[in-house]
N, C-alpha and C. Protein backbone atom coordinates (compact mmCIF):
# COMPACT_ATOMS: atom_id res chain seq x y z
N MET A 1 142.91 94.97 57.29
CA MET A 1 142.21 93.34 56.93
C MET A 1 140.70 93.86 56.99
N ASP A 2 140.52 93.74 55.78
CA ASP A 2 138.63 93.90 55.46
C ASP A 2 137.85 92.58 55.82
N CYS A 3 138.25 91.47 55.79
CA CYS A 3 137.35 90.19 55.93
C CYS A 3 137.12 90.05 57.23
N LEU A 4 135.79 90.09 57.75
CA LEU A 4 135.44 89.97 59.16
C LEU A 4 136.17 88.45 59.56
N PHE A 5 136.05 87.48 58.74
CA PHE A 5 136.41 85.86 59.14
C PHE A 5 137.76 86.21 59.33
N CYS A 6 138.80 86.68 58.47
CA CYS A 6 140.05 86.90 58.70
C CYS A 6 140.50 87.61 59.86
N GLN A 7 139.94 88.53 60.27
CA GLN A 7 139.77 89.22 61.95
C GLN A 7 139.26 88.24 62.55
N ILE A 8 138.30 87.58 62.63
CA ILE A 8 138.50 86.74 63.75
C ILE A 8 139.37 85.35 63.95
N ILE A 9 139.60 85.04 63.22
CA ILE A 9 140.87 84.20 62.72
C ILE A 9 142.07 84.74 63.76
N ALA A 10 142.50 85.84 63.09
CA ALA A 10 143.63 86.59 63.78
C ALA A 10 143.47 87.46 65.32
N GLY A 11 142.55 86.42 65.87
CA GLY A 11 141.97 87.09 67.36
C GLY A 11 141.47 88.81 67.05
N GLU A 12 141.31 89.22 66.09
CA GLU A 12 141.06 90.83 66.05
C GLU A 12 139.66 91.06 66.24
N ALA A 13 139.13 90.02 66.07
CA ALA A 13 137.51 90.31 66.23
C ALA A 13 136.77 89.48 67.27
N ASN A 14 135.69 89.58 68.04
CA ASN A 14 135.29 88.36 68.92
C ASN A 14 134.28 87.49 68.11
N SER A 15 134.71 86.45 68.84
CA SER A 15 133.71 85.37 68.44
C SER A 15 133.01 84.38 69.25
N TYR A 16 132.53 83.32 69.40
CA TYR A 16 132.31 82.44 70.08
C TYR A 16 132.81 80.97 69.43
N LYS A 17 134.22 81.05 69.58
CA LYS A 17 134.95 79.92 69.37
C LYS A 17 134.69 78.74 69.68
N VAL A 18 134.46 77.33 68.87
CA VAL A 18 133.53 76.21 69.24
C VAL A 18 134.92 75.14 69.25
N TYR A 19 135.81 75.37 68.18
CA TYR A 19 136.77 74.46 67.48
C TYR A 19 137.94 75.18 66.84
N GLU A 20 138.91 75.00 66.70
CA GLU A 20 140.04 75.41 66.04
C GLU A 20 141.31 74.26 65.85
N ASP A 21 141.58 74.21 64.70
CA ASP A 21 143.00 73.50 64.36
C ASP A 21 143.90 74.06 63.17
N GLU A 22 145.26 73.59 62.33
CA GLU A 22 145.82 74.04 62.30
C GLU A 22 145.17 74.95 60.66
N PHE A 23 144.04 74.28 60.33
CA PHE A 23 143.75 74.38 59.13
C PHE A 23 142.54 75.16 59.33
N SER A 24 141.42 75.10 60.20
CA SER A 24 140.23 75.88 60.22
C SER A 24 139.86 76.31 61.64
N LEU A 25 138.69 76.75 61.53
CA LEU A 25 138.08 77.58 63.05
C LEU A 25 136.16 77.29 62.72
N ALA A 26 135.79 77.03 63.85
CA ALA A 26 134.48 77.10 63.99
C ALA A 26 133.84 77.96 64.96
N ILE A 27 133.31 78.73 64.61
CA ILE A 27 132.33 79.68 65.97
C ILE A 27 130.90 79.72 65.62
N LEU A 28 130.07 79.94 66.72
CA LEU A 28 128.98 80.29 66.56
C LEU A 28 128.45 81.30 65.69
N ASP A 29 127.12 80.92 64.82
CA ASP A 29 126.84 82.22 64.18
C ASP A 29 125.85 83.25 64.90
N ILE A 30 126.49 84.29 64.91
CA ILE A 30 125.68 85.79 65.75
C ILE A 30 124.40 85.81 65.55
N PHE A 31 123.76 85.38 64.13
CA PHE A 31 122.41 85.45 63.69
C PHE A 31 122.24 83.98 63.60
N PRO A 32 122.11 83.21 64.46
CA PRO A 32 121.54 81.57 64.05
C PRO A 32 120.37 81.48 63.43
N ILE A 33 120.08 80.46 62.37
CA ILE A 33 118.82 80.18 62.16
C ILE A 33 118.20 79.15 63.38
N SER A 34 119.42 78.54 64.16
CA SER A 34 118.57 77.72 65.11
C SER A 34 119.56 77.59 66.29
N PRO A 35 119.23 77.32 67.56
CA PRO A 35 120.33 77.35 68.44
C PRO A 35 121.34 76.06 67.65
N GLY A 36 122.61 76.61 67.96
CA GLY A 36 123.46 75.67 67.55
C GLY A 36 124.05 75.89 66.00
N HIS A 37 124.00 76.96 65.53
CA HIS A 37 124.10 76.98 64.25
C HIS A 37 125.54 77.27 64.37
N VAL A 38 126.47 76.97 63.87
CA VAL A 38 128.17 76.83 63.56
C VAL A 38 128.51 77.25 62.26
N LEU A 39 129.54 77.98 62.05
CA LEU A 39 130.16 78.04 60.94
C LEU A 39 131.44 77.47 61.14
N VAL A 40 132.10 77.06 59.64
CA VAL A 40 133.45 76.44 59.77
C VAL A 40 133.79 76.86 58.59
N MET A 41 135.00 77.56 58.75
CA MET A 41 135.81 77.94 57.80
C MET A 41 137.58 78.07 57.69
N PRO A 42 138.01 78.05 56.77
CA PRO A 42 139.17 77.99 56.66
C PRO A 42 140.35 78.94 57.20
N LYS A 43 141.15 78.56 57.53
CA LYS A 43 142.01 79.94 58.08
C LYS A 43 142.81 80.73 57.21
N LYS A 44 142.93 79.98 56.04
CA LYS A 44 143.53 80.70 54.90
C LYS A 44 142.48 81.09 54.38
N HIS A 45 142.55 82.46 54.32
CA HIS A 45 141.76 83.10 52.71
C HIS A 45 141.30 82.85 51.61
N CYS A 46 140.28 82.50 51.02
CA CYS A 46 139.88 82.02 50.02
C CYS A 46 138.52 82.37 49.77
N SER A 47 138.07 83.29 49.14
CA SER A 47 136.74 83.80 48.87
C SER A 47 135.90 82.75 48.25
N THR A 48 135.77 82.22 47.52
CA THR A 48 135.13 80.93 47.04
C THR A 48 135.78 79.71 46.80
N LEU A 49 135.15 78.47 46.78
CA LEU A 49 135.63 77.16 46.63
C LEU A 49 136.30 77.00 45.73
N ALA A 50 136.35 77.57 44.39
CA ALA A 50 137.46 77.48 43.41
C ALA A 50 138.86 77.80 43.69
N GLU A 51 138.71 78.74 44.68
CA GLU A 51 139.88 79.17 45.24
C GLU A 51 140.75 78.44 46.35
N MET A 52 140.53 77.39 46.48
CA MET A 52 141.28 76.32 47.45
C MET A 52 141.57 74.89 46.61
N ASP A 53 142.38 74.48 47.20
CA ASP A 53 142.84 73.05 46.52
C ASP A 53 142.23 72.17 47.42
N GLU A 54 142.55 70.83 46.60
CA GLU A 54 141.77 69.83 47.07
C GLU A 54 141.82 69.61 48.55
N THR A 55 143.15 69.40 49.07
CA THR A 55 143.53 69.32 50.23
C THR A 55 143.10 70.23 51.30
N GLU A 56 142.97 71.65 51.16
CA GLU A 56 142.34 72.45 52.25
C GLU A 56 140.90 72.24 52.19
N ALA A 57 140.31 72.05 51.11
CA ALA A 57 139.02 71.75 51.47
C ALA A 57 138.33 70.69 52.14
N ALA A 58 139.66 69.87 52.19
CA ALA A 58 139.24 68.08 52.55
C ALA A 58 139.54 68.27 54.34
N ASN A 59 140.76 69.37 54.68
CA ASN A 59 140.88 69.55 55.98
C ASN A 59 139.48 70.62 56.94
N VAL A 60 139.01 71.45 55.85
CA VAL A 60 137.92 72.30 56.52
C VAL A 60 136.91 71.25 56.57
N PHE A 61 136.57 70.34 55.73
CA PHE A 61 135.33 69.37 55.63
C PHE A 61 135.58 68.62 56.94
N ARG A 62 136.46 68.10 57.17
CA ARG A 62 137.14 66.88 58.47
C ARG A 62 136.39 68.25 59.33
N THR A 63 136.75 68.84 59.46
CA THR A 63 136.08 69.76 60.86
C THR A 63 134.33 69.99 60.86
N VAL A 64 134.01 69.94 59.31
CA VAL A 64 132.58 69.92 59.47
C VAL A 64 131.75 68.81 59.91
N VAL A 65 132.47 67.76 59.74
CA VAL A 65 132.09 66.32 59.65
C VAL A 65 132.49 66.49 61.94
N LYS A 66 133.62 66.88 62.26
CA LYS A 66 133.44 66.60 63.76
C LYS A 66 132.42 67.63 64.29
N ILE A 67 132.09 68.69 63.86
CA ILE A 67 131.15 69.49 64.23
C ILE A 67 129.83 69.31 64.16
N ASN A 68 129.61 68.77 63.10
CA ASN A 68 128.34 68.14 63.24
C ASN A 68 127.70 66.68 63.99
N LYS A 69 128.74 65.90 64.12
CA LYS A 69 128.95 65.00 65.06
C LYS A 69 128.32 65.52 66.63
N ALA A 70 129.38 66.08 66.86
CA ALA A 70 129.53 67.12 68.38
C ALA A 70 127.78 67.45 68.31
N LEU A 71 127.19 68.23 67.43
CA LEU A 71 126.02 68.84 67.73
C LEU A 71 124.97 67.82 67.69
N ALA A 72 125.36 66.61 66.96
CA ALA A 72 124.14 65.48 67.20
C ALA A 72 124.23 64.92 68.41
N ASP A 73 125.32 64.99 68.85
CA ASP A 73 125.52 64.35 70.33
C ASP A 73 124.84 65.25 71.77
N LEU A 74 125.29 66.77 71.12
CA LEU A 74 124.54 67.70 71.99
C LEU A 74 123.16 67.86 72.01
N THR A 75 122.53 67.55 70.64
CA THR A 75 120.81 67.76 70.39
C THR A 75 120.40 66.38 69.94
N PRO A 76 120.37 65.46 70.81
CA PRO A 76 119.51 64.33 70.51
C PRO A 76 118.56 64.27 69.96
N ASN A 77 117.41 65.51 70.51
CA ASN A 77 115.86 65.59 69.83
C ASN A 77 116.15 66.14 68.06
N ASN A 78 117.40 66.78 67.81
CA ASN A 78 117.53 67.22 66.68
C ASN A 78 116.50 66.12 65.58
N ALA A 79 116.06 67.08 64.48
CA ALA A 79 115.47 66.64 63.68
C ALA A 79 116.38 66.52 62.30
N GLY A 80 117.64 66.60 62.23
CA GLY A 80 118.30 66.49 61.41
C GLY A 80 119.55 67.39 61.28
N PHE A 81 120.23 67.60 60.46
CA PHE A 81 121.08 69.25 59.86
C PHE A 81 121.00 69.50 58.48
N ASN A 82 121.19 71.00 58.13
CA ASN A 82 121.50 71.26 57.03
C ASN A 82 122.98 71.64 57.14
N ILE A 83 123.50 71.41 56.19
CA ILE A 83 124.94 71.87 55.94
C ILE A 83 125.05 72.46 54.31
N LEU A 84 125.38 73.71 54.57
CA LEU A 84 125.32 74.60 53.40
C LEU A 84 126.40 75.27 53.41
N GLN A 85 126.76 75.41 52.05
CA GLN A 85 127.75 76.59 51.48
C GLN A 85 127.34 77.64 50.53
N ASN A 86 127.27 78.62 50.83
CA ASN A 86 126.83 79.56 49.82
C ASN A 86 128.20 80.06 49.12
N ASN A 87 128.26 80.12 47.80
CA ASN A 87 129.40 80.10 47.10
C ASN A 87 129.42 81.23 46.00
N GLY A 88 129.64 82.72 46.33
CA GLY A 88 129.67 83.76 45.73
C GLY A 88 128.39 84.34 46.21
N LYS A 89 128.51 85.62 45.57
CA LYS A 89 127.08 86.72 45.95
C LYS A 89 126.00 85.97 45.34
N GLY A 90 125.84 85.78 44.33
CA GLY A 90 124.75 85.07 43.36
C GLY A 90 124.09 84.10 44.31
N ALA A 91 124.78 83.32 45.13
CA ALA A 91 124.19 82.37 45.90
C ALA A 91 124.20 82.63 47.19
N GLY A 92 124.39 83.57 47.50
CA GLY A 92 123.36 84.56 49.20
C GLY A 92 125.03 84.37 49.60
N GLN A 93 125.86 84.44 49.08
CA GLN A 93 127.29 84.50 50.41
C GLN A 93 127.38 85.91 50.67
N GLU A 94 127.52 86.19 52.03
CA GLU A 94 127.68 87.77 52.30
C GLU A 94 128.76 88.03 53.11
N ILE A 95 129.82 87.10 53.48
CA ILE A 95 130.90 87.37 53.65
C ILE A 95 131.81 86.55 52.87
N GLU A 96 133.04 87.12 52.02
CA GLU A 96 133.58 86.58 51.31
C GLU A 96 134.86 86.14 51.80
N HIS A 97 134.56 85.08 52.61
CA HIS A 97 135.89 83.80 53.05
C HIS A 97 134.40 82.76 53.16
N VAL A 98 135.19 81.90 52.28
CA VAL A 98 134.81 80.19 52.44
C VAL A 98 134.19 80.04 54.11
N HIS A 99 132.76 79.38 53.77
CA HIS A 99 132.44 79.07 55.17
C HIS A 99 130.97 78.07 54.92
N PHE A 100 131.28 77.24 55.74
CA PHE A 100 130.11 76.12 55.81
C PHE A 100 129.17 76.55 57.00
N HIS A 101 127.92 76.64 56.84
CA HIS A 101 127.06 76.65 58.07
C HIS A 101 126.43 75.27 58.15
N ILE A 102 126.56 74.95 59.39
CA ILE A 102 125.90 73.52 59.98
C ILE A 102 124.81 74.16 60.90
N ILE A 103 123.68 73.77 60.64
CA ILE A 103 122.23 74.40 61.06
C ILE A 103 121.52 72.77 61.74
N PRO A 104 121.64 73.04 62.89
CA PRO A 104 120.47 71.90 63.30
C PRO A 104 119.30 71.96 63.28
N ARG A 105 118.17 71.07 62.99
CA ARG A 105 116.78 71.34 62.57
C ARG A 105 116.57 70.45 63.67
N PHE A 106 114.93 71.03 64.14
CA PHE A 106 114.26 70.52 65.00
C PHE A 106 112.72 70.73 64.29
N LYS A 107 111.70 69.52 65.31
CA LYS A 107 110.35 69.41 65.10
C LYS A 107 109.78 70.89 64.97
N ASP A 108 109.17 71.49 63.80
CA ASP A 108 108.07 72.38 64.00
C ASP A 108 108.76 73.37 64.35
N ASP A 109 110.01 73.83 63.65
CA ASP A 109 111.29 75.07 63.68
C ASP A 109 110.72 76.01 62.56
N HIS A 110 110.19 75.65 61.72
CA HIS A 110 109.37 76.51 60.48
C HIS A 110 110.54 77.11 59.78
N VAL A 111 111.51 76.83 59.89
CA VAL A 111 112.57 77.12 58.86
C VAL A 111 112.43 76.44 57.33
N ARG A 112 112.40 76.91 56.41
CA ARG A 112 112.52 76.52 55.09
C ARG A 112 113.45 76.56 54.34
N PHE A 113 113.86 75.92 53.39
CA PHE A 113 114.86 76.03 52.23
C PHE A 113 113.92 75.52 51.17
N LYS A 114 113.64 76.42 50.21
CA LYS A 114 113.04 75.83 48.63
C LYS A 114 113.77 76.40 47.88
N PHE A 115 114.01 75.26 47.13
CA PHE A 115 114.63 75.74 45.29
C PHE A 115 113.81 75.23 44.49
N PRO A 116 113.60 75.63 43.52
CA PRO A 116 112.57 75.14 42.30
C PRO A 116 113.13 74.06 41.74
N LYS A 117 112.57 73.39 41.12
CA LYS A 117 112.96 71.86 40.51
C LYS A 117 112.77 72.08 39.22
N TYR A 118 113.65 71.73 38.09
CA TYR A 118 113.68 71.84 36.89
C TYR A 118 113.43 70.46 36.15
N ASN A 119 112.85 70.60 35.16
CA ASN A 119 112.54 68.88 34.53
C ASN A 119 113.43 69.48 33.10
N LEU A 120 114.64 69.03 33.23
CA LEU A 120 115.33 69.22 31.82
C LEU A 120 115.24 68.19 30.73
N PRO A 121 115.16 68.71 29.51
CA PRO A 121 115.31 67.39 28.27
C PRO A 121 116.47 66.46 28.47
N ALA A 122 116.58 65.65 28.15
CA ALA A 122 117.11 64.49 28.24
C ALA A 122 118.59 64.97 27.41
N ALA A 123 118.44 65.73 26.46
CA ALA A 123 119.31 65.97 25.46
C ALA A 123 120.28 67.01 26.02
N GLN A 124 119.65 67.88 26.88
CA GLN A 124 120.24 69.21 27.80
C GLN A 124 121.27 68.55 28.80
N MET A 125 120.33 67.32 29.79
CA MET A 125 120.91 66.46 30.54
C MET A 125 122.51 65.99 29.98
N LYS A 126 122.28 65.44 28.85
CA LYS A 126 123.44 64.74 28.30
C LYS A 126 124.80 65.84 27.91
N PHE A 127 123.96 66.69 26.99
CA PHE A 127 124.99 67.57 27.01
C PHE A 127 125.92 68.55 28.16
N LEU A 128 125.01 68.73 29.22
CA LEU A 128 125.72 69.22 30.61
C LEU A 128 126.46 68.00 30.83
N GLN A 129 126.08 66.40 31.18
CA GLN A 129 127.20 65.56 31.49
C GLN A 129 128.66 65.72 30.74
N GLU A 130 128.14 65.81 29.60
CA GLU A 130 129.41 65.85 28.64
C GLU A 130 130.22 66.81 28.77
N LYS A 131 129.64 68.20 28.98
CA LYS A 131 130.45 69.42 28.92
C LYS A 131 131.60 69.30 30.91
N LEU A 132 130.44 68.62 31.58
CA LEU A 132 131.54 68.63 33.15
C LEU A 132 132.29 67.61 32.97
N LEU A 133 132.14 66.22 32.54
CA LEU A 133 132.84 65.39 32.45
C LEU A 133 134.56 65.78 31.58
N THR A 134 134.43 66.64 30.61
CA THR A 134 135.61 67.26 30.05
C THR A 134 136.32 68.26 30.71
N ALA A 135 135.39 69.10 31.58
CA ALA A 135 136.01 69.96 32.65
C ALA A 135 136.50 69.30 33.85
N ILE A 136 136.02 68.29 34.30
CA ILE A 136 136.85 67.46 35.57
C ILE A 136 138.01 66.98 34.99
N LYS A 137 137.74 66.09 33.96
CA LYS A 137 139.10 65.81 33.16
C LYS A 137 140.09 66.71 33.41
N LYS A 138 139.97 67.94 33.06
CA LYS A 138 140.89 69.13 33.03
C LYS A 138 141.70 69.35 34.32
N LEU A 139 140.91 68.82 35.19
CA LEU A 139 141.70 69.07 36.38
C LEU A 139 142.37 68.20 37.15
N ILE A 140 142.17 66.76 36.77
CA ILE A 140 142.78 65.74 37.29
C ILE A 140 144.50 65.66 37.04
């Protein structure tokens, strides 16, 4: 088994488990961006979200919500949370097993996520909208 997260799920690698149910596992990130940084993953191996069905994704996201609520209770001085999912190597995914980062944020924590913002012409926005609507209808 080459996947580190599959090894953790199988109990073959160490982790700091904070939650587990039939569908998902939540562990502390061993290289946290801030104290309380948690990773939530499906127990079933899926490299990207495209490999998950909607039920699997919903089950995992229920765990994301639970962990976020628990962290909010534990860190009343938080300034918010980043909930991230890097989907594919080009998006910064380092371990090829779907996982969500729940990152507590604190005042003056010096963590910054900056993304460029583009101003696309209305015609391009309309084109993208139509393409997405067609692609989504195929999935329904």
